Amino acid sequence: MIKIIIFKDSLENIQRYTINGHANYAPYGEDIVCASVATLGQVTLLSLVEICGIKEEEILYKVDDDKGYLDVNIPVKLANTTLNNTQIVLKTFELGVKSIIEGYPKYVTLEYREV
């Protein structure tokens, strides 16, 4: 099962997300649930850099493809415009996760934590 955790601050801004595990929906290379979650997580990270303009070295992230692990932590202090754009990207990630869970609730979970 894939476990996703979204970390929000007291203003409900998403500051971090983690993805951990494999769905085991289908054999390796054919698992559409794993592929969907992995793509969503990676595109979100790329969008934070390419669309929102956060420098890659300012984002704390770890990737372990074998374990199905991605941990992305954005900088706490961002300019207002960057913060707004970042939240749009991260809330789109959240929406995508919820959509995957609707279709495959036995294979993906979502938790929230406060930072």
Protein backbone atom coordinates (compact mmCIF):
# COMPACT_ATOMS: atom_id res chain seq x y z
CA MET A 1 0.00 0.00 0.00
CA ILE A 2 1.14 3.53 -0.74
CA LYS A 3 0.99 5.90 2.22
CA ILE A 4 0.91 9.62 1.47
CA ILE A 5 1.32 12.24 4.19
CA ILE A 6 0.63 15.92 3.60
CA PHE A 7 2.00 18.34 6.17
CA LYS A 8 0.20 21.68 6.64
CA ASP A 9 1.01 24.69 8.77
CA SER A 10 -1.46 26.53 11.01
CA LEU A 11 -2.66 28.57 8.00
CA GLU A 12 -3.43 25.35 6.07
CA ASN A 13 -0.51 25.91 3.70
CA ILE A 14 1.07 22.67 2.52
CA GLN A 15 4.76 22.65 3.48
CA ARG A 16 5.75 19.05 2.82
CA TYR A 17 4.56 15.78 1.38
CA THR A 18 5.81 12.23 1.55
CA ILE A 19 4.97 9.20 -0.55
CA ASN A 20 6.02 5.81 0.75
CA GLY A 21 5.52 2.26 -0.45
CA HIS A 22 4.17 0.36 -3.42
CA ALA A 23 0.53 -0.22 -4.31
CA ASN A 24 0.95 -3.88 -5.34
CA TYR A 25 -2.06 -3.45 -7.58
CA ALA A 26 -0.32 -5.26 -10.44
CA PRO A 27 3.12 -6.69 -11.26
CA TYR A 28 6.08 -4.33 -11.48
CA GLY A 29 5.94 -2.39 -14.74
CA GLU A 30 2.18 -2.85 -15.03
CA ASP A 31 1.04 -1.19 -11.80
CA ILE A 32 -1.05 1.80 -12.89
CA VAL A 33 -1.69 2.90 -9.30
CA CYS A 34 2.03 3.08 -8.47
CA ALA A 35 2.75 4.79 -11.76
CA SER A 36 -0.01 7.36 -11.19
CA VAL A 37 1.13 8.27 -7.69
CA ALA A 38 4.81 8.36 -8.67
CA THR A 39 4.09 10.59 -11.64
CA LEU A 40 1.96 12.93 -9.56
CA GLY A 41 4.66 13.23 -6.90
CA GLN A 42 7.49 13.79 -9.39
CA VAL A 43 5.56 16.29 -11.52
CA THR A 44 4.68 18.24 -8.38
CA LEU A 45 8.35 18.44 -7.41
CA LEU A 46 9.34 19.52 -10.92
CA SER A 47 6.54 22.12 -10.96
CA LEU A 48 7.78 23.66 -7.72
CA VAL A 49 11.06 24.35 -9.50
CA GLU A 50 9.98 25.02 -13.10
CA ILE A 51 6.60 26.73 -12.57
CA CYS A 52 6.89 28.28 -9.10
CA GLY A 53 10.53 29.29 -9.45
CA ILE A 54 11.87 27.77 -6.23
CA LYS A 55 15.54 26.93 -6.66
CA GLU A 56 16.06 23.17 -6.59
CA GLU A 57 18.76 23.48 -3.94
CA GLU A 58 16.26 25.26 -1.65
CA ILE A 59 13.88 22.30 -1.68
CA LEU A 60 14.77 19.50 0.69
CA TYR A 61 13.87 16.27 -1.03
CA LYS A 62 14.79 12.60 -0.95
CA VAL A 63 13.99 9.96 -3.54
CA ASP A 64 14.36 6.18 -3.30
CA ASP A 65 12.75 4.54 -6.33
CA ASP A 66 13.31 1.00 -5.06
CA LYS A 67 11.39 1.67 -1.84
CA GLY A 68 8.83 3.89 -3.54
CA TYR A 69 9.82 6.84 -1.37
CA LEU A 70 9.62 10.57 -2.07
CA ASP A 71 9.88 13.27 0.59
CA VAL A 72 9.52 16.92 -0.49
CA ASN A 73 9.87 19.81 1.93
CA ILE A 74 9.59 23.38 0.60
CA PRO A 75 11.30 26.41 2.17
CA VAL A 76 9.31 28.05 4.98
CA LYS A 77 9.90 31.62 3.84
CA LEU A 78 8.75 32.39 0.32
CA ALA A 79 7.68 35.63 -1.34
CA ASN A 80 3.88 36.01 -1.44
CA THR A 81 3.55 35.37 -5.18
CA THR A 82 5.80 32.32 -4.97
CA LEU A 83 3.89 31.05 -1.93
CA ASN A 84 0.56 31.45 -3.71
CA ASN A 85 1.80 29.63 -6.80
CA THR A 86 3.36 26.92 -4.66
CA GLN A 87 0.08 26.35 -2.85
CA ILE A 88 -1.78 26.04 -6.16
CA VAL A 89 0.66 23.34 -7.27
CA LEU A 90 0.58 21.52 -3.91
CA LYS A 91 -3.21 21.66 -3.63
CA THR A 92 -3.42 20.28 -7.15
CA PHE A 93 -1.20 17.41 -5.94
CA GLU A 94 -3.60 16.91 -3.01
CA LEU A 95 -6.58 16.86 -5.38
CA GLY A 96 -4.84 14.30 -7.60
CA VAL A 97 -4.10 12.08 -4.62
CA LYS A 98 -7.72 12.21 -3.49
CA SER A 99 -8.85 11.32 -7.00
CA ILE A 100 -6.58 8.27 -7.10
CA ILE A 101 -7.84 7.20 -3.68
CA GLU A 102 -11.45 7.41 -4.89
CA GLY A 103 -10.68 4.89 -7.62
CA TYR A 104 -8.26 2.69 -5.66
CA PRO A 105 -8.97 3.03 -1.91
CA LYS A 106 -7.38 -0.34 -1.06
CA TYR A 107 -4.03 0.71 -2.48
CA VAL A 108 -3.43 4.32 -1.36
CA THR A 109 -3.94 6.16 1.94
CA LEU A 110 -3.71 9.85 2.79
CA GLU A 111 -2.90 11.34 6.18
CA TYR A 112 -2.51 14.92 7.31
CA ARG A 113 -0.07 16.22 9.87
CA GLU A 114 0.71 19.65 11.20
CA VAL A 115 4.13 21.22 10.91
